[in-house]
Amino acid sequence: FLIGCGTALNNPAWQASVGDMVPRSDLPAAVALNSMGFNITRSVGPA
């Protein structure tokens, strides 16, 4: 639960910051890459 609290504090700031790192035209691709990055680790991390 405490780790989830840290995630709750981090996520809005991180996701809102993506729009500050890339131009609006690249935002859909950036969101997809964030999902892909998490799931790259999900593909090998659990094993």
ModelCIF file with pLDDT and N, C-alpha, C, O atoms, coordinates in Angstrom:
data_MODEL
#
_entry.id   MODEL 
#
_entity.id                         1 
_entity.type                       polymer 
_entity.pdbx_number_of_molecules   1 
#
_entity_poly.entity_id                      1 
_entity_poly.type                           'polypeptide(L)' 
_entity_poly.nstd_linkage                   no 
_entity_poly.nstd_monomer                   no 
_entity_poly.pdbx_seq_one_letter_code       FLIGCGTALNNPAWQASVGDMVPRSDLPAAVALNSMGFNITRSVGPA 
_entity_poly.pdbx_seq_one_letter_code_can   FLIGCGTALNNPAWQASVGDMVPRSDLPAAVALNSMGFNITRSVGPA 
_entity_poly.pdbx_strand_id                 A 
#
loop_
_entity_poly_seq.entity_id 
_entity_poly_seq.num 
_entity_poly_seq.mon_id 
_entity_poly_seq.hetero 
1 1  PHE n 
1 2  LEU n 
1 3  ILE n 
1 4  GLY n 
1 5  CYS n 
1 6  GLY n 
1 7  THR n 
1 8  ALA n 
1 9  LEU n 
1 10 ASN n 
1 11 ASN n 
1 12 PRO n 
1 13 ALA n 
1 14 TRP n 
1 15 GLN n 
1 16 ALA n 
1 17 SER n 
1 18 VAL n 
1 19 GLY n 
1 20 ASP n 
1 21 MET n 
1 22 VAL n 
1 23 PRO n 
1 24 ARG n 
1 25 SER n 
1 26 ASP n 
1 27 LEU n 
1 28 PRO n 
1 29 ALA n 
1 30 ALA n 
1 31 VAL n 
1 32 ALA n 
1 33 LEU n 
1 34 ASN n 
1 35 SER n 
1 36 MET n 
1 37 GLY n 
1 38 PHE n 
1 39 ASN n 
1 40 ILE n 
1 41 THR n 
1 42 ARG n 
1 43 SER n 
1 44 VAL n 
1 45 GLY n 
1 46 PRO n 
1 47 ALA n 
#
_struct_asym.id          A 
_struct_asym.entity_id   1 
#
loop_
_ma_qa_metric.id 
_ma_qa_metric.mode 
_ma_qa_metric.name 
_ma_qa_metric.software_group_id 
_ma_qa_metric.type 
1 global pLDDT . pLDDT 
2 local  pLDDT . pLDDT 
#
_ma_qa_metric_global.metric_id      1 
_ma_qa_metric_global.metric_value   80.57 
_ma_qa_metric_global.model_id       1 
_ma_qa_metric_global.ordinal_id     1 
#
loop_
_ma_qa_metric_local.label_asym_id 
_ma_qa_metric_local.label_comp_id 
_ma_qa_metric_local.label_seq_id 
_ma_qa_metric_local.metric_id 
_ma_qa_metric_local.metric_value 
_ma_qa_metric_local.model_id 
_ma_qa_metric_local.ordinal_id 
A PHE 1  2 93.00 1 1  
A LEU 2  2 93.00 1 2  
A ILE 3  2 92.00 1 3  
A GLY 4  2 89.00 1 4  
A CYS 5  2 91.00 1 5  
A GLY 6  2 92.00 1 6  
A THR 7  2 88.00 1 7  
A ALA 8  2 87.00 1 8  
A LEU 9  2 90.00 1 9  
A ASN 10 2 89.00 1 10 
A ASN 11 2 85.00 1 11 
A PRO 12 2 86.00 1 12 
A ALA 13 2 88.00 1 13 
A TRP 14 2 86.00 1 14 
A GLN 15 2 82.00 1 15 
A ALA 16 2 84.00 1 16 
A SER 17 2 86.00 1 17 
A VAL 18 2 85.00 1 18 
A GLY 19 2 80.00 1 19 
A ASP 20 2 81.00 1 20 
A MET 21 2 86.00 1 21 
A VAL 22 2 84.00 1 22 
A PRO 23 2 83.00 1 23 
A ARG 24 2 75.00 1 24 
A SER 25 2 75.00 1 25 
A ASP 26 2 80.00 1 26 
A LEU 27 2 79.00 1 27 
A PRO 28 2 78.00 1 28 
A ALA 29 2 80.00 1 29 
A ALA 30 2 83.00 1 30 
A VAL 31 2 80.00 1 31 
A ALA 32 2 77.00 1 32 
A LEU 33 2 81.00 1 33 
A ASN 34 2 79.00 1 34 
A SER 35 2 74.00 1 35 
A MET 36 2 75.00 1 36 
A GLY 37 2 77.00 1 37 
A PHE 38 2 72.00 1 38 
A ASN 39 2 67.00 1 39 
A ILE 40 2 72.00 1 40 
A THR 41 2 73.00 1 41 
A ARG 42 2 64.00 1 42 
A SER 43 2 65.00 1 43 
A VAL 44 2 71.00 1 44 
A GLY 45 2 70.00 1 45 
A PRO 46 2 69.00 1 46 
A ALA 47 2 71.00 1 47 
#
loop_
_atom_site.group_PDB 
_atom_site.id 
_atom_site.type_symbol 
_atom_site.label_atom_id 
_atom_site.label_alt_id 
_atom_site.label_comp_id 
_atom_site.label_asym_id 
_atom_site.label_entity_id 
_atom_site.label_seq_id 
_atom_site.pdbx_PDB_ins_code 
_atom_site.Cartn_x 
_atom_site.Cartn_y 
_atom_site.Cartn_z 
_atom_site.occupancy 
_atom_site.B_iso_or_equiv 
_atom_site.pdbx_formal_charge 
_atom_site.auth_seq_id 
_atom_site.auth_comp_id 
_atom_site.auth_asym_id 
_atom_site.auth_atom_id 
_atom_site.pdbx_PDB_model_num 
ATOM 1   N N  . PHE A 1 1  ? 0.835  -1.200  0.000   1.00 93.00 ? 1  PHE A N  1 
ATOM 2   C CA . PHE A 1 1  ? 0.000  0.000   0.000   1.00 93.00 ? 1  PHE A CA 1 
ATOM 3   C C  . PHE A 1 1  ? 0.876  1.257   0.000   1.00 93.00 ? 1  PHE A C  1 
ATOM 4   O O  . PHE A 1 1  ? 0.586  2.213   -0.720  1.00 93.00 ? 1  PHE A O  1 
ATOM 5   N N  . LEU A 1 2  ? 1.939  1.260   0.801   1.00 93.00 ? 2  LEU A N  1 
ATOM 6   C CA . LEU A 1 2  ? 2.833  2.420   0.841   1.00 93.00 ? 2  LEU A CA 1 
ATOM 7   C C  . LEU A 1 2  ? 3.532  2.625   -0.496  1.00 93.00 ? 2  LEU A C  1 
ATOM 8   O O  . LEU A 1 2  ? 3.689  3.759   -0.947  1.00 93.00 ? 2  LEU A O  1 
ATOM 9   N N  . ILE A 1 3  ? 3.947  1.547   -1.127  1.00 92.00 ? 3  ILE A N  1 
ATOM 10  C CA . ILE A 1 3  ? 4.557  1.682   -2.460  1.00 92.00 ? 3  ILE A CA 1 
ATOM 11  C C  . ILE A 1 3  ? 3.535  2.241   -3.437  1.00 92.00 ? 3  ILE A C  1 
ATOM 12  O O  . ILE A 1 3  ? 3.868  3.052   -4.301  1.00 92.00 ? 3  ILE A O  1 
ATOM 13  N N  . GLY A 1 4  ? 2.283  1.800   -3.294  1.00 89.00 ? 4  GLY A N  1 
ATOM 14  C CA . GLY A 1 4  ? 1.219  2.371   -4.125  1.00 89.00 ? 4  GLY A CA 1 
ATOM 15  C C  . GLY A 1 4  ? 1.035  3.863   -3.875  1.00 89.00 ? 4  GLY A C  1 
ATOM 16  O O  . GLY A 1 4  ? 0.728  4.614   -4.801  1.00 89.00 ? 4  GLY A O  1 
ATOM 17  N N  . CYS A 1 5  ? 1.222  4.298   -2.626  1.00 91.00 ? 5  CYS A N  1 
ATOM 18  C CA . CYS A 1 5  ? 1.131  5.736   -2.319  1.00 91.00 ? 5  CYS A CA 1 
ATOM 19  C C  . CYS A 1 5  ? 2.214  6.519   -3.067  1.00 91.00 ? 5  CYS A C  1 
ATOM 20  O O  . CYS A 1 5  ? 1.955  7.597   -3.600  1.00 91.00 ? 5  CYS A O  1 
ATOM 21  N N  . GLY A 1 6  ? 3.420  5.966   -3.098  1.00 92.00 ? 6  GLY A N  1 
ATOM 22  C CA . GLY A 1 6  ? 4.488  6.614   -3.851  1.00 92.00 ? 6  GLY A CA 1 
ATOM 23  C C  . GLY A 1 6  ? 4.170  6.683   -5.337  1.00 92.00 ? 6  GLY A C  1 
ATOM 24  O O  . GLY A 1 6  ? 4.440  7.690   -5.990  1.00 92.00 ? 6  GLY A O  1 
ATOM 25  N N  . THR A 1 7  ? 3.598  5.612   -5.865  1.00 88.00 ? 7  THR A N  1 
ATOM 26  C CA . THR A 1 7  ? 3.196  5.601   -7.269  1.00 88.00 ? 7  THR A CA 1 
ATOM 27  C C  . THR A 1 7  ? 2.109  6.639   -7.530  1.00 88.00 ? 7  THR A C  1 
ATOM 28  O O  . THR A 1 7  ? 2.123  7.309   -8.563  1.00 88.00 ? 7  THR A O  1 
ATOM 29  N N  . ALA A 1 8  ? 1.166  6.775   -6.593  1.00 87.00 ? 8  ALA A N  1 
ATOM 30  C CA . ALA A 1 8  ? 0.093  7.763   -6.746  1.00 87.00 ? 8  ALA A CA 1 
ATOM 31  C C  . ALA A 1 8  ? 0.650  9.187   -6.775  1.00 87.00 ? 8  ALA A C  1 
ATOM 32  O O  . ALA A 1 8  ? 0.133  10.038  -7.499  1.00 87.00 ? 8  ALA A O  1 
ATOM 33  N N  . LEU A 1 9  ? 1.686  9.450   -6.004  1.00 90.00 ? 9  LEU A N  1 
ATOM 34  C CA . LEU A 1 9  ? 2.313  10.772  -6.010  1.00 90.00 ? 9  LEU A CA 1 
ATOM 35  C C  . LEU A 1 9  ? 3.094  10.999  -7.303  1.00 90.00 ? 9  LEU A C  1 
ATOM 36  O O  . LEU A 1 9  ? 3.101  12.105  -7.843  1.00 90.00 ? 9  LEU A O  1 
ATOM 37  N N  . ASN A 1 10 ? 3.744  9.959   -7.792  1.00 89.00 ? 10 ASN A N  1 
ATOM 38  C CA . ASN A 1 10 ? 4.628  10.090  -8.955  1.00 89.00 ? 10 ASN A CA 1 
ATOM 39  C C  . ASN A 1 10 ? 3.877  10.188  -10.283 1.00 89.00 ? 10 ASN A C  1 
ATOM 40  O O  . ASN A 1 10 ? 4.242  10.990  -11.143 1.00 89.00 ? 10 ASN A O  1 
ATOM 41  N N  . ASN A 1 11 ? 2.830  9.379   -10.456 1.00 85.00 ? 11 ASN A N  1 
ATOM 42  C CA . ASN A 1 11 ? 2.255  9.194   -11.790 1.00 85.00 ? 11 ASN A CA 1 
ATOM 43  C C  . ASN A 1 11 ? 1.681  10.459  -12.435 1.00 85.00 ? 11 ASN A C  1 
ATOM 44  O O  . ASN A 1 11 ? 1.993  10.719  -13.598 1.00 85.00 ? 11 ASN A O  1 
ATOM 45  N N  . PRO A 1 12 ? 0.854  11.265  -11.739 1.00 86.00 ? 12 PRO A N  1 
ATOM 46  C CA . PRO A 1 12 ? 0.339  12.461  -12.417 1.00 86.00 ? 12 PRO A CA 1 
ATOM 47  C C  . PRO A 1 12 ? 1.448  13.410  -12.862 1.00 86.00 ? 12 PRO A C  1 
ATOM 48  O O  . PRO A 1 12 ? 1.379  13.977  -13.952 1.00 86.00 ? 12 PRO A O  1 
ATOM 49  N N  . ALA A 1 13 ? 2.477  13.587  -12.019 1.00 88.00 ? 13 ALA A N  1 
ATOM 50  C CA . ALA A 1 13 ? 3.577  14.472  -12.387 1.00 88.00 ? 13 ALA A CA 1 
ATOM 51  C C  . ALA A 1 13 ? 4.344  13.918  -13.586 1.00 88.00 ? 13 ALA A C  1 
ATOM 52  O O  . ALA A 1 13 ? 4.716  14.670  -14.486 1.00 88.00 ? 13 ALA A O  1 
ATOM 53  N N  . TRP A 1 14 ? 4.581  12.607  -13.600 1.00 86.00 ? 14 TRP A N  1 
ATOM 54  C CA . TRP A 1 14 ? 5.325  11.995  -14.708 1.00 86.00 ? 14 TRP A CA 1 
ATOM 55  C C  . TRP A 1 14 ? 4.519  12.070  -15.999 1.00 86.00 ? 14 TRP A C  1 
ATOM 56  O O  . TRP A 1 14 ? 5.055  12.474  -17.031 1.00 86.00 ? 14 TRP A O  1 
ATOM 57  N N  . GLN A 1 15 ? 3.256  11.694  -15.964 1.00 82.00 ? 15 GLN A N  1 
ATOM 58  C CA . GLN A 1 15 ? 2.469  11.684  -17.193 1.00 82.00 ? 15 GLN A CA 1 
ATOM 59  C C  . GLN A 1 15 ? 2.231  13.095  -17.722 1.00 82.00 ? 15 GLN A C  1 
ATOM 60  O O  . GLN A 1 15 ? 2.232  13.309  -18.935 1.00 82.00 ? 15 GLN A O  1 
ATOM 61  N N  . ALA A 1 16 ? 2.027  14.060  -16.824 1.00 84.00 ? 16 ALA A N  1 
ATOM 62  C CA . ALA A 1 16 ? 1.860  15.442  -17.274 1.00 84.00 ? 16 ALA A CA 1 
ATOM 63  C C  . ALA A 1 16 ? 3.163  15.998  -17.830 1.00 84.00 ? 16 ALA A C  1 
ATOM 64  O O  . ALA A 1 16 ? 3.141  16.874  -18.695 1.00 84.00 ? 16 ALA A O  1 
ATOM 65  N N  . SER A 1 17 ? 4.305  15.498  -17.343 1.00 86.00 ? 17 SER A N  1 
ATOM 66  C CA . SER A 1 17 ? 5.600  15.988  -17.813 1.00 86.00 ? 17 SER A CA 1 
ATOM 67  C C  . SER A 1 17 ? 5.928  15.518  -19.218 1.00 86.00 ? 17 SER A C  1 
ATOM 68  O O  . SER A 1 17 ? 6.757  16.127  -19.894 1.00 86.00 ? 17 SER A O  1 
ATOM 69  N N  . VAL A 1 18 ? 5.288  14.438  -19.672 1.00 85.00 ? 18 VAL A N  1 
ATOM 70  C CA . VAL A 1 18 ? 5.569  13.944  -21.025 1.00 85.00 ? 18 VAL A CA 1 
ATOM 71  C C  . VAL A 1 18 ? 5.265  15.030  -22.054 1.00 85.00 ? 18 VAL A C  1 
ATOM 72  O O  . VAL A 1 18 ? 5.995  15.187  -23.032 1.00 85.00 ? 18 VAL A O  1 
ATOM 73  N N  . GLY A 1 19 ? 4.175  15.786  -21.827 1.00 80.00 ? 19 GLY A N  1 
ATOM 74  C CA . GLY A 1 19 ? 3.833  16.870  -22.732 1.00 80.00 ? 19 GLY A CA 1 
ATOM 75  C C  . GLY A 1 19 ? 4.825  18.015  -22.699 1.00 80.00 ? 19 GLY A C  1 
ATOM 76  O O  . GLY A 1 19 ? 4.836  18.846  -23.607 1.00 80.00 ? 19 GLY A O  1 
ATOM 77  N N  . ASP A 1 20 ? 5.675  18.076  -21.649 1.00 81.00 ? 20 ASP A N  1 
ATOM 78  C CA . ASP A 1 20 ? 6.728  19.087  -21.582 1.00 81.00 ? 20 ASP A CA 1 
ATOM 79  C C  . ASP A 1 20 ? 8.012  18.605  -22.249 1.00 81.00 ? 20 ASP A C  1 
ATOM 80  O O  . ASP A 1 20 ? 8.898  19.405  -22.545 1.00 81.00 ? 20 ASP A O  1 
ATOM 81  N N  . MET A 1 21 ? 8.112  17.300  -22.486 1.00 86.00 ? 21 MET A N  1 
ATOM 82  C CA . MET A 1 21 ? 9.337  16.723  -23.061 1.00 86.00 ? 21 MET A CA 1 
ATOM 83  C C  . MET A 1 21 ? 9.256  16.570  -24.573 1.00 86.00 ? 21 MET A C  1 
ATOM 84  O O  . MET A 1 21 ? 10.281 16.611  -25.252 1.00 86.00 ? 21 MET A O  1 
ATOM 85  N N  . VAL A 1 22 ? 8.050  16.394  -25.111 1.00 84.00 ? 22 VAL A N  1 
ATOM 86  C CA . VAL A 1 22 ? 7.887  16.174  -26.551 1.00 84.00 ? 22 VAL A CA 1 
ATOM 87  C C  . VAL A 1 22 ? 6.832  17.130  -27.077 1.00 84.00 ? 22 VAL A C  1 
ATOM 88  O O  . VAL A 1 22 ? 5.980  17.572  -26.307 1.00 84.00 ? 22 VAL A O  1 
ATOM 89  N N  . PRO A 1 23 ? 6.856  17.465  -28.364 1.00 83.00 ? 23 PRO A N  1 
ATOM 90  C CA . PRO A 1 23 ? 5.810  18.323  -28.934 1.00 83.00 ? 23 PRO A CA 1 
ATOM 91  C C  . PRO A 1 23 ? 4.484  17.584  -29.005 1.00 83.00 ? 23 PRO A C  1 
ATOM 92  O O  . PRO A 1 23 ? 4.433  16.356  -28.922 1.00 83.00 ? 23 PRO A O  1 
ATOM 93  N N  . ARG A 1 24 ? 3.419  18.348  -29.157 1.00 75.00 ? 24 ARG A N  1 
ATOM 94  C CA . ARG A 1 24 ? 2.067  17.780  -29.152 1.00 75.00 ? 24 ARG A CA 1 
ATOM 95  C C  . ARG A 1 24 ? 1.891  16.707  -30.223 1.00 75.00 ? 24 ARG A C  1 
ATOM 96  O O  . ARG A 1 24 ? 1.188  15.723  -29.996 1.00 75.00 ? 24 ARG A O  1 
ATOM 97  N N  . SER A 1 25 ? 2.517  16.883  -31.382 1.00 75.00 ? 25 SER A N  1 
ATOM 98  C CA . SER A 1 25 ? 2.360  15.915  -32.466 1.00 75.00 ? 25 SER A CA 1 
ATOM 99  C C  . SER A 1 25 ? 2.950  14.550  -32.120 1.00 75.00 ? 25 SER A C  1 
ATOM 100 O O  . SER A 1 25 ? 2.535  13.538  -32.683 1.00 75.00 ? 25 SER A O  1 
ATOM 101 N N  . ASP A 1 26 ? 3.924  14.513  -31.188 1.00 80.00 ? 26 ASP A N  1 
ATOM 102 C CA . ASP A 1 26 ? 4.546  13.249  -30.791 1.00 80.00 ? 26 ASP A CA 1 
ATOM 103 C C  . ASP A 1 26 ? 3.926  12.663  -29.528 1.00 80.00 ? 26 ASP A C  1 
ATOM 104 O O  . ASP A 1 26 ? 4.358  11.606  -29.067 1.00 80.00 ? 26 ASP A O  1 
ATOM 105 N N  . LEU A 1 27 ? 2.924  13.327  -28.961 1.00 79.00 ? 27 LEU A N  1 
ATOM 106 C CA . LEU A 1 27 ? 2.379  12.884  -27.675 1.00 79.00 ? 27 LEU A CA 1 
ATOM 107 C C  . LEU A 1 27 ? 1.754  11.488  -27.736 1.00 79.00 ? 27 LEU A C  1 
ATOM 108 O O  . LEU A 1 27 ? 2.042  10.678  -26.855 1.00 79.00 ? 27 LEU A O  1 
ATOM 109 N N  . PRO A 1 28 ? 0.902  11.156  -28.742 1.00 78.00 ? 28 PRO A N  1 
ATOM 110 C CA . PRO A 1 28 ? 0.359  9.787   -28.770 1.00 78.00 ? 28 PRO A CA 1 
ATOM 111 C C  . PRO A 1 28 ? 1.448  8.720   -28.818 1.00 78.00 ? 28 PRO A C  1 
ATOM 112 O O  . PRO A 1 28 ? 1.349  7.699   -28.138 1.00 78.00 ? 28 PRO A O  1 
ATOM 113 N N  . ALA A 1 29 ? 2.498  8.956   -29.626 1.00 80.00 ? 29 ALA A N  1 
ATOM 114 C CA . ALA A 1 29 ? 3.591  7.993   -29.707 1.00 80.00 ? 29 ALA A CA 1 
ATOM 115 C C  . ALA A 1 29 ? 4.344  7.909   -28.379 1.00 80.00 ? 29 ALA A C  1 
ATOM 116 O O  . ALA A 1 29 ? 4.775  6.828   -27.978 1.00 80.00 ? 29 ALA A O  1 
ATOM 117 N N  . ALA A 1 30 ? 4.503  9.054   -27.693 1.00 83.00 ? 30 ALA A N  1 
ATOM 118 C CA . ALA A 1 30 ? 5.213  9.047   -26.408 1.00 83.00 ? 30 ALA A CA 1 
ATOM 119 C C  . ALA A 1 30 ? 4.432  8.258   -25.358 1.00 83.00 ? 30 ALA A C  1 
ATOM 120 O O  . ALA A 1 30 ? 5.024  7.504   -24.587 1.00 83.00 ? 30 ALA A O  1 
ATOM 121 N N  . VAL A 1 31 ? 3.111  8.425   -25.322 1.00 80.00 ? 31 VAL A N  1 
ATOM 122 C CA . VAL A 1 31 ? 2.285  7.668   -24.373 1.00 80.00 ? 31 VAL A CA 1 
ATOM 123 C C  . VAL A 1 31 ? 2.389  6.171   -24.670 1.00 80.00 ? 31 VAL A C  1 
ATOM 124 O O  . VAL A 1 31 ? 2.514  5.356   -23.755 1.00 80.00 ? 31 VAL A O  1 
ATOM 125 N N  . ALA A 1 32 ? 2.334  5.815   -25.970 1.00 77.00 ? 32 ALA A N  1 
ATOM 126 C CA . ALA A 1 32 ? 2.456  4.405   -26.340 1.00 77.00 ? 32 ALA A CA 1 
ATOM 127 C C  . ALA A 1 32 ? 3.828  3.857   -25.967 1.00 77.00 ? 32 ALA A C  1 
ATOM 128 O O  . ALA A 1 32 ? 3.935  2.715   -25.520 1.00 77.00 ? 32 ALA A O  1 
ATOM 129 N N  . LEU A 1 33 ? 4.887  4.665   -26.146 1.00 81.00 ? 33 LEU A N  1 
ATOM 130 C CA . LEU A 1 33 ? 6.231  4.212   -25.782 1.00 81.00 ? 33 LEU A CA 1 
ATOM 131 C C  . LEU A 1 33 ? 6.363  4.018   -24.272 1.00 81.00 ? 33 LEU A C  1 
ATOM 132 O O  . LEU A 1 33 ? 7.057  3.103   -23.827 1.00 81.00 ? 33 LEU A O  1 
ATOM 133 N N  . ASN A 1 34 ? 5.713  4.859   -23.488 1.00 79.00 ? 34 ASN A N  1 
ATOM 134 C CA . ASN A 1 34 ? 5.724  4.650   -22.042 1.00 79.00 ? 34 ASN A CA 1 
ATOM 135 C C  . ASN A 1 34 ? 5.080  3.318   -21.689 1.00 79.00 ? 34 ASN A C  1 
ATOM 136 O O  . ASN A 1 34 ? 5.588  2.574   -20.850 1.00 79.00 ? 34 ASN A O  1 
ATOM 137 N N  . SER A 1 35 ? 3.954  3.024   -22.337 1.00 74.00 ? 35 SER A N  1 
ATOM 138 C CA . SER A 1 35 ? 3.305  1.729   -22.107 1.00 74.00 ? 35 SER A CA 1 
ATOM 139 C C  . SER A 1 35 ? 4.208  0.594   -22.576 1.00 74.00 ? 35 SER A C  1 
ATOM 140 O O  . SER A 1 35 ? 4.328  -0.428  -21.901 1.00 74.00 ? 35 SER A O  1 
ATOM 141 N N  . MET A 1 36 ? 4.840  0.774   -23.729 1.00 75.00 ? 36 MET A N  1 
ATOM 142 C CA . MET A 1 36 ? 5.726  -0.257  -24.242 1.00 75.00 ? 36 MET A CA 1 
ATOM 143 C C  . MET A 1 36 ? 6.907  -0.471  -23.306 1.00 75.00 ? 36 MET A C  1 
ATOM 144 O O  . MET A 1 36 ? 7.309  -1.608  -23.058 1.00 75.00 ? 36 MET A O  1 
ATOM 145 N N  . GLY A 1 37 ? 7.472  0.636   -22.780 1.00 77.00 ? 37 GLY A N  1 
ATOM 146 C CA . GLY A 1 37 ? 8.598  0.501   -21.869 1.00 77.00 ? 37 GLY A CA 1 
ATOM 147 C C  . GLY A 1 37 ? 8.243  -0.302  -20.638 1.00 77.00 ? 37 GLY A C  1 
ATOM 148 O O  . GLY A 1 37 ? 8.992  -1.181  -20.211 1.00 77.00 ? 37 GLY A O  1 
ATOM 149 N N  . PHE A 1 38 ? 7.071  0.015   -20.065 1.00 72.00 ? 38 PHE A N  1 
ATOM 150 C CA . PHE A 1 38 ? 6.650  -0.744  -18.895 1.00 72.00 ? 38 PHE A CA 1 
ATOM 151 C C  . PHE A 1 38 ? 6.493  -2.219  -19.236 1.00 72.00 ? 38 PHE A C  1 
ATOM 152 O O  . PHE A 1 38 ? 6.850  -3.093  -18.447 1.00 72.00 ? 38 PHE A O  1 
ATOM 153 N N  . ASN A 1 39 ? 5.955  -2.483  -20.418 1.00 67.00 ? 39 ASN A N  1 
ATOM 154 C CA . ASN A 1 39 ? 5.665  -3.873  -20.760 1.00 67.00 ? 39 ASN A CA 1 
ATOM 155 C C  . ASN A 1 39 ? 6.860  -4.618  -21.326 1.00 67.00 ? 39 ASN A C  1 
ATOM 156 O O  . ASN A 1 39 ? 6.854  -5.849  -21.366 1.00 67.00 ? 39 ASN A O  1 
ATOM 157 N N  . ILE A 1 40 ? 7.896  -3.892  -21.770 1.00 72.00 ? 40 ILE A N  1 
ATOM 158 C CA . ILE A 1 40 ? 9.164  -4.566  -22.060 1.00 72.00 ? 40 ILE A CA 1 
ATOM 159 C C  . ILE A 1 40 ? 9.681  -5.206  -20.777 1.00 72.00 ? 40 ILE A C  1 
ATOM 160 O O  . ILE A 1 40 ? 10.101 -6.363  -20.763 1.00 72.00 ? 40 ILE A O  1 
ATOM 161 N N  . THR A 1 41 ? 9.641  -4.427  -19.703 1.00 73.00 ? 41 THR A N  1 
ATOM 162 C CA . THR A 1 41 ? 10.073 -4.988  -18.419 1.00 73.00 ? 41 THR A CA 1 
ATOM 163 C C  . THR A 1 41 ? 9.107  -6.063  -17.938 1.00 73.00 ? 41 THR A C  1 
ATOM 164 O O  . THR A 1 41 ? 9.514  -7.030  -17.293 1.00 73.00 ? 41 THR A O  1 
ATOM 165 N N  . ARG A 1 42 ? 7.823  -5.891  -18.254 1.00 64.00 ? 42 ARG A N  1 
ATOM 166 C CA . ARG A 1 42 ? 6.857  -6.909  -17.841 1.00 64.00 ? 42 ARG A CA 1 
ATOM 167 C C  . ARG A 1 42 ? 7.096  -8.230  -18.560 1.00 64.00 ? 42 ARG A C  1 
ATOM 168 O O  . ARG A 1 42 ? 6.784  -9.295  -18.029 1.00 64.00 ? 42 ARG A O  1 
ATOM 169 N N  . SER A 1 43 ? 7.654  -8.160  -19.780 1.00 65.00 ? 43 SER A N  1 
ATOM 170 C CA . SER A 1 43 ? 7.862  -9.391  -20.539 1.00 65.00 ? 43 SER A CA 1 
ATOM 171 C C  . SER A 1 43 ? 8.999  -10.233 -19.967 1.00 65.00 ? 43 SER A C  1 
ATOM 172 O O  . SER A 1 43 ? 8.990  -11.457 -20.098 1.00 65.00 ? 43 SER A O  1 
ATOM 173 N N  . VAL A 1 44 ? 9.983  -9.582  -19.331 1.00 71.00 ? 44 VAL A N  1 
ATOM 174 C CA . VAL A 1 44 ? 11.114 -10.335 -18.781 1.00 71.00 ? 44 VAL A CA 1 
ATOM 175 C C  . VAL A 1 44 ? 11.202 -10.219 -17.260 1.00 71.00 ? 44 VAL A C  1 
ATOM 176 O O  . VAL A 1 44 ? 11.693 -11.126 -16.588 1.00 71.00 ? 44 VAL A O  1 
ATOM 177 N N  . GLY A 1 45 ? 10.719 -9.085  -16.720 1.00 70.00 ? 45 GLY A N  1 
ATOM 178 C CA . GLY A 1 45 ? 10.825 -8.871  -15.276 1.00 70.00 ? 45 GLY A CA 1 
ATOM 179 C C  . GLY A 1 45 ? 10.175 -9.952  -14.434 1.00 70.00 ? 45 GLY A C  1 
ATOM 180 O O  . GLY A 1 45 ? 10.802 -10.453 -13.500 1.00 70.00 ? 45 GLY A O  1 
ATOM 181 N N  . PRO A 1 46 ? 8.927  -10.331 -14.734 1.00 69.00 ? 46 PRO A N  1 
ATOM 182 C CA . PRO A 1 46 ? 8.290  -11.369 -13.918 1.00 69.00 ? 46 PRO A CA 1 
ATOM 183 C C  . PRO A 1 46 ? 9.018  -12.706 -13.969 1.00 69.00 ? 46 PRO A C  1 
ATOM 184 O O  . PRO A 1 46 ? 9.140  -13.386 -12.950 1.00 69.00 ? 46 PRO A O  1 
ATOM 185 N N  . ALA A 1 47 ? 9.510  -13.091 -15.164 1.00 71.00 ? 47 ALA A N  1 
ATOM 186 C CA . ALA A 1 47 ? 10.234 -14.352 -15.255 1.00 71.00 ? 47 ALA A CA 1 
ATOM 187 C C  . ALA A 1 47 ? 11.517 -14.280 -14.429 1.00 71.00 ? 47 ALA A C  1 
ATOM 188 O O  . ALA A 1 47 ? 12.273 -15.250 -14.377 1.00 71.00 ? 47 ALA A O  1 
#
